[in-house]
Protein backbone atom coordinates (compact mmCIF):
# COMPACT_ATOMS: atom_id res chain seq x y z
CA UNK A 1 -19.58 13.87 -29.12
CA UNK A 2 -20.36 10.54 -31.06
CA UNK A 3 -17.63 8.48 -28.59
CA UNK A 4 -18.98 10.05 -25.23
CA UNK A 5 -22.75 8.68 -26.89
CA UNK A 6 -21.18 4.98 -27.26
CA UNK A 7 -19.12 5.07 -24.12
CA UNK A 8 -22.32 6.06 -22.15
CA UNK A 9 -23.89 2.80 -24.34
CA UNK A 10 -21.74 0.40 -22.81
CA UNK A 11 -21.01 1.62 -19.52
CA UNK A 12 -23.93 0.23 -18.15
CA UNK A 13 -23.17 -3.13 -19.38
CA UNK A 14 -23.11 -6.87 -16.83
CA UNK A 15 -19.28 -6.94 -17.17
CA UNK A 16 -18.49 -2.92 -16.15
CA UNK A 17 -20.58 -3.35 -13.23
CA UNK A 18 -19.50 -6.94 -11.71
CA UNK A 19 -16.33 -5.43 -12.07
CA UNK A 20 -17.75 -2.30 -10.44
CA UNK A 21 -19.26 -4.87 -7.79
CA UNK A 22 -16.25 -6.44 -7.56
CA UNK A 23 -13.87 -2.93 -7.32
CA UNK A 24 -13.25 -3.41 -4.02
CA UNK A 25 -12.35 -6.91 -2.63
CA UNK A 26 -9.82 -6.91 -5.55
CA UNK A 27 -8.43 -3.46 -4.69
CA UNK A 28 -7.97 -5.87 -1.21
CA UNK A 29 -6.48 -8.67 -2.90
CA UNK A 30 -3.82 -6.88 -5.29
CA UNK A 31 -3.12 -3.79 -1.96
CA UNK A 32 -0.40 -5.65 -0.70
CA UNK A 33 1.50 -7.33 -3.76
CA UNK A 34 4.52 -6.44 -4.95
CA UNK A 35 6.33 -6.47 -8.40
CA UNK A 36 9.26 -8.91 -9.09
CA UNK A 37 12.61 -7.43 -8.22
CA UNK A 38 13.65 -7.99 -11.88
CA UNK A 39 10.28 -6.70 -13.05
CA UNK A 40 11.01 -3.30 -15.10
CA UNK A 41 8.44 -0.70 -13.86
CA UNK A 42 8.36 2.90 -15.12
CA UNK A 43 6.80 4.97 -13.04
CA UNK A 44 5.16 8.44 -13.50
CA UNK A 45 5.07 10.98 -10.42
CA UNK A 46 3.12 14.40 -11.04
CA UNK A 47 3.72 17.41 -8.68
CA UNK A 48 -0.22 16.75 -7.82
CA UNK A 49 1.15 13.91 -5.70
CA UNK A 50 3.78 13.99 -4.37
């Protein structure tokens, strides 16, 4: 319960609101980006999203 109260207090801060405002443009920027071939990537796959 305390965590919920604290998280609700910080959710509307200026930085979080700015991130929400920029989310769509940020997603457009990174959507076509690829990881380098030499970078190890751990992927989690669930039955629900396949």
